[in-house]
Amino acid sequence: MSYQLGQIDPDQRSELFTEPREQESRPRFRGLIATAAALLVMGMFAGGLWFAYHQGLRHGSINSGGDVPLIRADERPTKVKPEKPGGMEIPIGTS
């Protein structure tokens, strides 16, 4: 079985692999929409950072007038000797 494709003009070979120029001149709206969405997301992120920063400044300055509390370790000993040293009697097994 064989197929006859016919003759190909060498000057028109490039047209077989490319699209007509009419379709190339259209604006690409996907790229424009993706760019706009990315800018919107970055703007919202920057606005959130700005809002959080100013809230931190507003609420963080309330305690700035007083001293910072000092936390100290407990001065009591952590281990204490038992009143009756010796522990529990363990019987030695006789088998």
PDB file of N, CA and C in Angstrom:
ATOM      1  N   MET A   1       0.841  -1.157   0.000  1.00  0.00           N
ATOM      2  CA  MET A   1       0.000   0.000   0.000  1.00  0.00           C
ATOM      3  C   MET A   1       0.900   1.239   0.000  1.00  0.00           C
ATOM      4  N   SER A   2       0.617   2.182  -0.863  1.00  0.00           N
ATOM      5  CA  SER A   2       1.417   3.397  -0.933  1.00  0.00           C
ATOM      6  C   SER A   2       0.481   4.587  -1.100  1.00  0.00           C
ATOM      7  N   TYR A   3       0.971   5.724  -0.649  1.00  0.00           N
ATOM      8  CA  TYR A   3       0.191   6.950  -0.739  1.00  0.00           C
ATOM      9  C   TYR A   3       0.911   7.914  -1.654  1.00  0.00           C
ATOM     10  N   GLN A   4       0.155   8.565  -2.471  1.00  0.00           N
ATOM     11  CA  GLN A   4       0.728   9.574  -3.348  1.00  0.00           C
ATOM     12  C   GLN A   4       0.419  10.935  -2.738  1.00  0.00           C
ATOM     13  N   LEU A   5       1.438  11.624  -2.253  1.00  0.00           N
ATOM     14  CA  LEU A   5       1.237  12.919  -1.623  1.00  0.00           C
ATOM     15  C   LEU A   5       1.263  14.055  -2.625  1.00  0.00           C
ATOM     16  N   GLY A   6       1.770  13.816  -3.736  1.00  0.00           N
ATOM     17  CA  GLY A   6       1.856  14.876  -4.723  1.00  0.00           C
ATOM     18  C   GLY A   6       3.178  15.603  -4.589  1.00  0.00           C
ATOM     19  N   GLN A   7       3.339  16.588  -5.409  1.00  0.00           N
ATOM     20  CA  GLN A   7       4.584  17.331  -5.394  1.00  0.00           C
ATOM     21  C   GLN A   7       4.464  18.538  -4.470  1.00  0.00           C
ATOM     22  N   ILE A   8       5.575  18.853  -3.806  1.00  0.00           N
ATOM     23  CA  ILE A   8       5.611  19.999  -2.901  1.00  0.00           C
ATOM     24  C   ILE A   8       6.515  21.048  -3.521  1.00  0.00           C
ATOM     25  N   ASP A   9       5.991  22.221  -3.602  1.00  0.00           N
ATOM     26  CA  ASP A   9       6.774  23.334  -4.127  1.00  0.00           C
ATOM     27  C   ASP A   9       7.787  23.759  -3.050  1.00  0.00           C
ATOM     28  N   PRO A  10       9.073  23.813  -3.357  1.00  0.00           N
ATOM     29  CA  PRO A  10      10.076  24.157  -2.335  1.00  0.00           C
ATOM     30  C   PRO A  10       9.863  25.541  -1.729  1.00  0.00           C
ATOM     31  N   ASP A  11       9.222  26.449  -2.434  1.00  0.00           N
ATOM     32  CA  ASP A  11       8.992  27.787  -1.889  1.00  0.00           C
ATOM     33  C   ASP A  11       7.873  27.788  -0.850  1.00  0.00           C
ATOM     34  N   GLN A  12       7.002  26.812  -0.870  1.00  0.00           N
ATOM     35  CA  GLN A  12       5.858  26.786   0.044  1.00  0.00           C
ATOM     36  C   GLN A  12       6.062  25.805   1.204  1.00  0.00           C
ATOM     37  N   ARG A  13       7.225  25.241   1.359  1.00  0.00           N
ATOM     38  CA  ARG A  13       7.468  24.291   2.447  1.00  0.00           C
ATOM     39  C   ARG A  13       7.327  24.947   3.818  1.00  0.00           C
ATOM     40  N   SER A  14       7.780  26.167   3.960  1.00  0.00           N
ATOM     41  CA  SER A  14       7.716  26.824   5.260  1.00  0.00           C
ATOM     42  C   SER A  14       6.262  27.060   5.684  1.00  0.00           C
ATOM     43  N   GLU A  15       5.354  27.175   4.752  1.00  0.00           N
ATOM     44  CA  GLU A  15       3.943  27.383   5.088  1.00  0.00           C
ATOM     45  C   GLU A  15       3.315  26.134   5.682  1.00  0.00           C
ATOM     46  N   LEU A  16       3.906  24.965   5.417  1.00  0.00           N
ATOM     47  CA  LEU A  16       3.366  23.735   5.989  1.00  0.00           C
ATOM     48  C   LEU A  16       3.592  23.666   7.496  1.00  0.00           C
ATOM     49  N   PHE A  17       4.623  24.314   7.986  1.00  0.00           N
ATOM     50  CA  PHE A  17       4.992  24.219   9.394  1.00  0.00           C
ATOM     51  C   PHE A  17       4.676  25.469  10.203  1.00  0.00           C
ATOM     52  N   THR A  18       4.184  26.497   9.589  1.00  0.00           N
ATOM     53  CA  THR A  18       3.866  27.732  10.314  1.00  0.00           C
ATOM     54  C   THR A  18       2.403  28.072  10.116  1.00  0.00           C
ATOM     55  N   GLU A  19       1.920  28.915  11.027  1.00  0.00           N
ATOM     56  CA  GLU A  19       0.535  29.381  10.923  1.00  0.00           C
ATOM     57  C   GLU A  19       0.502  30.648  10.075  1.00  0.00           C
ATOM     58  N   PRO A  20      -0.613  30.943   9.471  1.00  0.00           N
ATOM     59  CA  PRO A  20      -0.710  32.180   8.689  1.00  0.00           C
ATOM     60  C   PRO A  20      -0.461  33.408   9.563  1.00  0.00           C
ATOM     61  N   ARG A  21       0.044  34.454   8.985  1.00  0.00           N
ATOM     62  CA  ARG A  21       0.382  35.667   9.726  1.00  0.00           C
ATOM     63  C   ARG A  21      -0.847  36.371  10.294  1.00  0.00           C
ATOM     64  N   GLU A  22      -1.999  36.142   9.763  1.00  0.00           N
ATOM     65  CA  GLU A  22      -3.211  36.802  10.259  1.00  0.00           C
ATOM     66  C   GLU A  22      -3.476  36.420  11.704  1.00  0.00           C
ATOM     67  N   GLN A  23      -3.180  35.189  12.078  1.00  0.00           N
ATOM     68  CA  GLN A  23      -3.451  34.731  13.436  1.00  0.00           C
ATOM     69  C   GLN A  23      -2.371  35.176  14.413  1.00  0.00           C
ATOM     70  N   GLU A  24      -1.200  35.548  13.948  1.00  0.00           N
ATOM     71  CA  GLU A  24      -0.122  35.967  14.835  1.00  0.00           C
ATOM     72  C   GLU A  24      -0.316  37.382  15.341  1.00  0.00           C
ATOM     73  N   SER A  25      -1.079  38.193  14.665  1.00  0.00           N
ATOM     74  CA  SER A  25      -1.210  39.592  15.049  1.00  0.00           C
ATOM     75  C   SER A  25      -2.257  39.807  16.146  1.00  0.00           C
ATOM     76  N   ARG A  26      -2.960  38.757  16.551  1.00  0.00           N
ATOM     77  CA  ARG A  26      -3.968  38.905  17.611  1.00  0.00           C
ATOM     78  C   ARG A  26      -3.290  39.167  18.953  1.00  0.00           C
ATOM     79  N   PRO A  27      -3.865  40.010  19.792  1.00  0.00           N
ATOM     80  CA  PRO A  27      -3.283  40.215  21.124  1.00  0.00           C
ATOM     81  C   PRO A  27      -3.510  38.975  21.987  1.00  0.00           C
ATOM     82  N   ARG A  28      -2.602  38.726  22.864  1.00  0.00           N
ATOM     83  CA  ARG A  28      -2.704  37.554  23.735  1.00  0.00           C
ATOM     84  C   ARG A  28      -3.286  37.982  25.076  1.00  0.00           C
ATOM     85  N   PHE A  29      -4.547  37.656  25.281  1.00  0.00           N
ATOM     86  CA  PHE A  29      -5.233  38.086  26.494  1.00  0.00           C
ATOM     87  C   PHE A  29      -4.895  37.198  27.690  1.00  0.00           C
ATOM     88  N   ARG A  30      -4.481  35.972  27.464  1.00  0.00           N
ATOM     89  CA  ARG A  30      -4.116  35.097  28.587  1.00  0.00           C
ATOM     90  C   ARG A  30      -2.934  35.665  29.354  1.00  0.00           C
ATOM     91  N   GLY A  31      -1.936  36.122  28.638  1.00  0.00           N
ATOM     92  CA  GLY A  31      -0.765  36.711  29.293  1.00  0.00           C
ATOM     93  C   GLY A  31      -1.120  37.980  30.033  1.00  0.00           C
ATOM     94  N   LEU A  32      -2.010  38.773  29.459  1.00  0.00           N
ATOM     95  CA  LEU A  32      -2.441  40.010  30.106  1.00  0.00           C
ATOM     96  C   LEU A  32      -3.227  39.709  31.372  1.00  0.00           C
ATOM     97  N   ILE A  33      -4.108  38.732  31.305  1.00  0.00           N
ATOM     98  CA  ILE A  33      -4.905  38.366  32.479  1.00  0.00           C
ATOM     99  C   ILE A  33      -4.010  37.759  33.559  1.00  0.00           C
ATOM    100  N   ALA A  34      -3.057  36.916  33.178  1.00  0.00           N
ATOM    101  CA  ALA A  34      -2.139  36.316  34.156  1.00  0.00           C
ATOM    102  C   ALA A  34      -1.279  37.385  34.828  1.00  0.00           C
ATOM    103  N   THR A  35      -0.826  38.366  34.051  1.00  0.00           N
ATOM    104  CA  THR A  35      -0.024  39.449  34.609  1.00  0.00           C
ATOM    105  C   THR A  35      -0.851  40.288  35.576  1.00  0.00           C
ATOM    106  N   ALA A  36      -2.078  40.588  35.187  1.00  0.00           N
ATOM    107  CA  ALA A  36      -2.953  41.374  36.063  1.00  0.00           C
ATOM    108  C   ALA A  36      -3.265  40.612  37.348  1.00  0.00           C
ATOM    109  N   ALA A  37      -3.506  39.322  37.253  1.00  0.00           N
ATOM    110  CA  ALA A  37      -3.788  38.520  38.446  1.00  0.00           C
ATOM    111  C   ALA A  37      -2.568  38.478  39.362  1.00  0.00           C
ATOM    112  N   ALA A  38      -1.380  38.323  38.791  1.00  0.00           N
ATOM    113  CA  ALA A  38      -0.161  38.288  39.605  1.00  0.00           C
ATOM    114  C   ALA A  38       0.062  39.625  40.312  1.00  0.00           C
ATOM    115  N   LEU A  39      -0.159  40.725  39.608  1.00  0.00           N
ATOM    116  CA  LEU A  39      -0.016  42.039  40.232  1.00  0.00           C
ATOM    117  C   LEU A  39      -1.052  42.253  41.331  1.00  0.00           C
ATOM    118  N   LEU A  40      -2.256  41.768  41.121  1.00  0.00           N
ATOM    119  CA  LEU A  40      -3.300  41.893  42.142  1.00  0.00           C
ATOM    120  C   LEU A  40      -2.929  41.108  43.395  1.00  0.00           C
ATOM    121  N   VAL A  41      -2.446  39.896  43.223  1.00  0.00           N
ATOM    122  CA  VAL A  41      -2.054  39.070  44.373  1.00  0.00           C
ATOM    123  C   VAL A  41      -0.882  39.713  45.120  1.00  0.00           C
ATOM    124  N   MET A  42       0.108  40.218  44.386  1.00  0.00           N
ATOM    125  CA  MET A  42       1.238  40.874  45.050  1.00  0.00           C
ATOM    126  C   MET A  42       0.798  42.133  45.782  1.00  0.00           C
ATOM    127  N   GLY A  43      -0.136  42.881  45.199  1.00  0.00           N
ATOM    128  CA  GLY A  43      -0.650  44.075  45.864  1.00  0.00           C
ATOM    129  C   GLY A  43      -1.411  43.742  47.133  1.00  0.00           C
ATOM    130  N   MET A  44      -2.207  42.673  47.087  1.00  0.00           N
ATOM    131  CA  MET A  44      -2.937  42.262  48.285  1.00  0.00           C
ATOM    132  C   MET A  44      -1.972  41.792  49.377  1.00  0.00           C
ATOM    133  N   PHE A  45      -0.912  41.072  48.996  1.00  0.00           N
ATOM    134  CA  PHE A  45       0.087  40.625  49.965  1.00  0.00           C
ATOM    135  C   PHE A  45       0.795  41.820  50.589  1.00  0.00           C
ATOM    136  N   ALA A  46       1.179  42.788  49.764  1.00  0.00           N
ATOM    137  CA  ALA A  46       1.849  43.983  50.282  1.00  0.00           C
ATOM    138  C   ALA A  46       0.912  44.769  51.202  1.00  0.00           C
ATOM    139  N   GLY A  47      -0.363  44.855  50.841  1.00  0.00           N
ATOM    140  CA  GLY A  47      -1.331  45.537  51.708  1.00  0.00           C
ATOM    141  C   GLY A  47      -1.495  44.821  53.037  1.00  0.00           C
ATOM    142  N   GLY A  48      -1.502  43.500  53.013  1.00  0.00           N
ATOM    143  CA  GLY A  48      -1.596  42.738  54.265  1.00  0.00           C
ATOM    144  C   GLY A  48      -0.386  42.952  55.146  1.00  0.00           C
ATOM    145  N   LEU A  49       0.805  42.992  54.552  1.00  0.00           N
ATOM    146  CA  LEU A  49       2.010  43.267  55.330  1.00  0.00           C
ATOM    147  C   LEU A  49       1.970  44.667  55.932  1.00  0.00           C
ATOM    148  N   TRP A  50       1.544  45.644  55.148  1.00  0.00           N
ATOM    149  CA  TRP A  50       1.452  47.014  55.640  1.00  0.00           C
ATOM    150  C   TRP A  50       0.467  47.100  56.795  1.00  0.00           C
ATOM    151  N   PHE A  51      -0.687  46.455  56.664  1.00  0.00           N
ATOM    152  CA  PHE A  51      -1.698  46.464  57.725  1.00  0.00           C
ATOM    153  C   PHE A  51      -1.165  45.802  58.987  1.00  0.00           C
ATOM    154  N   ALA A  52      -0.504  44.646  58.857  1.00  0.00           N
ATOM    155  CA  ALA A  52       0.032  43.943  60.023  1.00  0.00           C
ATOM    156  C   ALA A  52       1.125  44.766  60.699  1.00  0.00           C
ATOM    157  N   TYR A  53       1.949  45.439  59.922  1.00  0.00           N
ATOM    158  CA  TYR A  53       3.009  46.269  60.488  1.00  0.00           C
ATOM    159  C   TYR A  53       2.425  47.408  61.313  1.00  0.00           C
ATOM    160  N   HIS A  54       1.428  48.082  60.767  1.00  0.00           N
ATOM    161  CA  HIS A  54       0.832  49.203  61.497  1.00  0.00           C
ATOM    162  C   HIS A  54       0.030  48.743  62.709  1.00  0.00           C
ATOM    163  N   GLN A  55      -0.588  47.591  62.637  1.00  0.00           N
ATOM    164  CA  GLN A  55      -1.276  47.051  63.818  1.00  0.00           C
ATOM    165  C   GLN A  55      -0.261  46.700  64.902  1.00  0.00           C
ATOM    166  N   GLY A  56       0.887  46.174  64.505  1.00  0.00           N
ATOM    167  CA  GLY A  56       1.942  45.864  65.468  1.00  0.00           C
ATOM    168  C   GLY A  56       2.487  47.114  66.126  1.00  0.00           C
ATOM    169  N   LEU A  57       2.628  48.171  65.349  1.00  0.00           N
ATOM    170  CA  LEU A  57       3.093  49.428  65.932  1.00  0.00           C
ATOM    171  C   LEU A  57       2.066  49.989  66.908  1.00  0.00           C
ATOM    172  N   ARG A  58       0.809  49.900  66.548  1.00  0.00           N
ATOM    173  CA  ARG A  58      -0.248  50.462  67.382  1.00  0.00           C
ATOM    174  C   ARG A  58      -0.393  49.675  68.686  1.00  0.00           C
ATOM    175  N   HIS A  59      -0.432  48.362  68.610  1.00  0.00           N
ATOM    176  CA  HIS A  59      -0.678  47.554  69.805  1.00  0.00           C
ATOM    177  C   HIS A  59       0.607  47.220  70.554  1.00  0.00           C
ATOM    178  N   GLY A  60       1.731  47.306  69.918  1.00  0.00           N
ATOM    179  CA  GLY A  60       2.993  46.997  70.583  1.00  0.00           C
ATOM    180  C   GLY A  60       3.492  48.133  71.456  1.00  0.00           C
ATOM    181  N   SER A  61       3.013  49.343  71.234  1.00  0.00           N
ATOM    182  CA  SER A  61       3.491  50.493  71.995  1.00  0.00           C
ATOM    183  C   SER A  61       2.758  50.670  73.318  1.00  0.00           C
ATOM    184  N   ILE A  62       1.780  49.827  73.637  1.00  0.00           N
ATOM    185  CA  ILE A  62       1.024  49.976  74.886  1.00  0.00           C
ATOM    186  C   ILE A  62       1.919  49.673  76.087  1.00  0.00           C
ATOM    187  N   ASN A  63       2.732  48.634  76.029  1.00  0.00           N
ATOM    188  CA  ASN A  63       3.555  48.222  77.154  1.00  0.00           C
ATOM    189  C   ASN A  63       4.934  48.859  77.153  1.00  0.00           C
ATOM    190  N   SER A  64       5.217  49.766  76.266  1.00  0.00           N
ATOM    191  CA  SER A  64       6.560  50.326  76.179  1.00  0.00           C
ATOM    192  C   SER A  64       6.856  51.281  77.327  1.00  0.00           C
ATOM    193  N   GLY A  65       5.839  51.766  78.053  1.00  0.00           N
ATOM    194  CA  GLY A  65       6.062  52.695  79.153  1.00  0.00           C
ATOM    195  C   GLY A  65       6.600  52.018  80.397  1.00  0.00           C
ATOM    196  N   GLY A  66       6.311  50.736  80.622  1.00  0.00           N
ATOM    197  CA  GLY A  66       6.745  50.051  81.840  1.00  0.00           C
ATOM    198  C   GLY A  66       7.987  49.216  81.617  1.00  0.00           C
ATOM    199  N   ASP A  67       8.479  48.658  82.735  1.00  0.00           N
ATOM    200  CA  ASP A  67       9.650  47.794  82.641  1.00  0.00           C
ATOM    201  C   ASP A  67       9.244  46.411  82.141  1.00  0.00           C
ATOM    202  N   VAL A  68      10.182  45.746  81.554  1.00  0.00           N
ATOM    203  CA  VAL A  68       9.957  44.388  81.067  1.00  0.00           C
ATOM    204  C   VAL A  68      10.050  43.450  82.272  1.00  0.00           C
ATOM    205  N   PRO A  69       9.071  42.568  82.477  1.00  0.00           N
ATOM    206  CA  PRO A  69       9.134  41.679  83.644  1.00  0.00           C
ATOM    207  C   PRO A  69      10.301  40.694  83.519  1.00  0.00           C
ATOM    208  N   LEU A  70      10.967  40.450  84.658  1.00  0.00           N
ATOM    209  CA  LEU A  70      12.097  39.536  84.697  1.00  0.00           C
ATOM    210  C   LEU A  70      11.620  38.192  85.223  1.00  0.00           C
ATOM    211  N   ILE A  71      11.871  37.151  84.512  1.00  0.00           N
ATOM    212  CA  ILE A  71      11.452  35.813  84.917  1.00  0.00           C
ATOM    213  C   ILE A  71      12.673  35.113  85.500  1.00  0.00           C
ATOM    214  N   ARG A  72      12.534  34.635  86.743  1.00  0.00           N
ATOM    215  CA  ARG A  72      13.646  33.970  87.423  1.00  0.00           C
ATOM    216  C   ARG A  72      13.305  32.514  87.665  1.00  0.00           C
ATOM    217  N   ALA A  73      14.341  31.709  87.788  1.00  0.00           N
ATOM    218  CA  ALA A  73      14.170  30.292  88.066  1.00  0.00           C
ATOM    219  C   ALA A  73      13.772  30.107  89.529  1.00  0.00           C
ATOM    220  N   ASP A  74      13.093  28.997  89.825  1.00  0.00           N
ATOM    221  CA  ASP A  74      12.699  28.670  91.188  1.00  0.00           C
ATOM    222  C   ASP A  74      13.955  28.374  92.008  1.00  0.00           C
ATOM    223  N   GLU A  75      14.052  28.957  93.206  1.00  0.00           N
ATOM    224  CA  GLU A  75      15.238  28.789  94.032  1.00  0.00           C
ATOM    225  C   GLU A  75      15.194  27.521  94.883  1.00  0.00           C
ATOM    226  N   ARG A  76      14.072  26.847  94.931  1.00  0.00           N
ATOM    227  CA  ARG A  76      13.979  25.616  95.716  1.00  0.00           C
ATOM    228  C   ARG A  76      14.727  24.497  94.992  1.00  0.00           C
ATOM    229  N   PRO A  77      15.248  23.517  95.741  1.00  0.00           N
ATOM    230  CA  PRO A  77      15.942  22.404  95.085  1.00  0.00           C
ATOM    231  C   PRO A  77      14.968  21.532  94.301  1.00  0.00           C
ATOM    232  N   THR A  78      15.464  20.969  93.224  1.00  0.00           N
ATOM    233  CA  THR A  78      14.592  20.124  92.402  1.00  0.00           C
ATOM    234  C   THR A  78      14.529  18.707  92.931  1.00  0.00           C
ATOM    235  N   LYS A  79      15.587  18.253  93.635  1.00  0.00           N
ATOM    236  CA  LYS A  79      15.595  16.916  94.209  1.00  0.00           C
ATOM    237  C   LYS A  79      15.678  17.039  95.730  1.00  0.00           C
ATOM    238  N   VAL A  80      14.878  16.249  96.424  1.00  0.00           N
ATOM    239  CA  VAL A  80      14.852  16.276  97.885  1.00  0.00           C
ATOM    240  C   VAL A  80      15.039  14.849  98.385  1.00  0.00           C
ATOM    241  N   LYS A  81      15.866  14.684  99.447  1.00  0.00           N
ATOM    242  CA  LYS A  81      16.073  13.356 100.021  1.00  0.00           C
ATOM    243  C   LYS A  81      14.785  12.895 100.687  1.00  0.00           C
ATOM    244  N   PRO A  82      14.452  11.614 100.563  1.00  0.00           N
ATOM    245  CA  PRO A  82      13.242  11.124 101.219  1.00  0.00           C
ATOM    246  C   PRO A  82      13.420  11.072 102.746  1.00  0.00           C
ATOM    247  N   GLU A  83      12.270  11.122 103.459  1.00  0.00           N
ATOM    248  CA  GLU A  83      12.319  11.084 104.920  1.00  0.00           C
ATOM    249  C   GLU A  83      12.809   9.730 105.411  1.00  0.00           C
ATOM    250  N   LYS A  84      12.406   8.658 104.766  1.00  0.00           N
ATOM    251  CA  LYS A  84      12.827   7.303 105.138  1.00  0.00           C
ATOM    252  C   LYS A  84      13.630   6.716 103.984  1.00  0.00           C
ATOM    253  N   PRO A  85      14.962   6.897 103.988  1.00  0.00           N
ATOM    254  CA  PRO A  85      15.755   6.349 102.891  1.00  0.00           C
ATOM    255  C   PRO A  85      15.805   4.828 102.950  1.00  0.00           C
ATOM    256  N   GLY A  86      16.083   4.214 101.875  1.00  0.00           N
ATOM    257  CA  GLY A  86      16.192   2.759 101.832  1.00  0.00           C
ATOM    258  C   GLY A  86      15.343   2.175 100.727  1.00  0.00           C
ATOM    259  N   GLY A  87      14.229   2.751 100.445  1.00  0.00           N
ATOM    260  CA  GLY A  87      13.401   2.292  99.354  1.00  0.00           C
ATOM    261  C   GLY A  87      12.587   1.068  99.692  1.00  0.00           C
ATOM    262  N   MET A  88      12.047   0.419  98.702  1.00  0.00           N
ATOM    263  CA  MET A  88      11.163  -0.726  98.881  1.00  0.00           C
ATOM    264  C   MET A  88      11.979  -2.006  98.944  1.00  0.00           C
ATOM    265  N   GLU A  89      11.543  -2.926  99.808  1.00  0.00           N
ATOM    266  CA  GLU A  89      12.220  -4.219  99.952  1.00  0.00           C
ATOM    267  C   GLU A  89      11.760  -5.135  98.822  1.00  0.00           C
ATOM    268  N   ILE A  90      12.712  -5.717  98.109  1.00  0.00           N
ATOM    269  CA  ILE A  90      12.385  -6.619  97.007  1.00  0.00           C
ATOM    270  C   ILE A  90      12.844  -8.012  97.416  1.00  0.00           C
ATOM    271  N   PRO A  91      11.919  -8.962  97.481  1.00  0.00           N
ATOM    272  CA  PRO A  91      12.326 -10.306  97.881  1.00  0.00           C
ATOM    273  C   PRO A  91      13.133 -10.981  96.762  1.00  0.00           C
ATOM    274  N   ILE A  92      14.164 -11.694  97.166  1.00  0.00           N
ATOM    275  CA  ILE A  92      14.998 -12.402  96.207  1.00  0.00           C
ATOM    276  C   ILE A  92      14.271 -13.705  95.877  1.00  0.00           C
ATOM    277  N   GLY A  93      14.052 -13.921  94.610  1.00  0.00           N
ATOM    278  CA  GLY A  93      13.243 -15.057  94.159  1.00  0.00           C
ATOM    279  C   GLY A  93      13.930 -16.389  94.412  1.00  0.00           C
ATOM    280  N   THR A  94      13.182 -17.351  94.960  1.00  0.00           N
ATOM    281  CA  THR A  94      13.678 -18.723  95.134  1.00  0.00           C
ATOM    282  C   THR A  94      12.867 -19.617  94.230  1.00  0.00           C
ATOM    283  N   SER A  95      13.489 -20.113  93.246  1.00  0.00           N
ATOM    284  CA  SER A  95      12.754 -20.958  92.306  1.00  0.00           C
ATOM    285  C   SER A  95      13.091 -22.403  92.486  1.00  0.00           C
TER     286      SER A  95
END
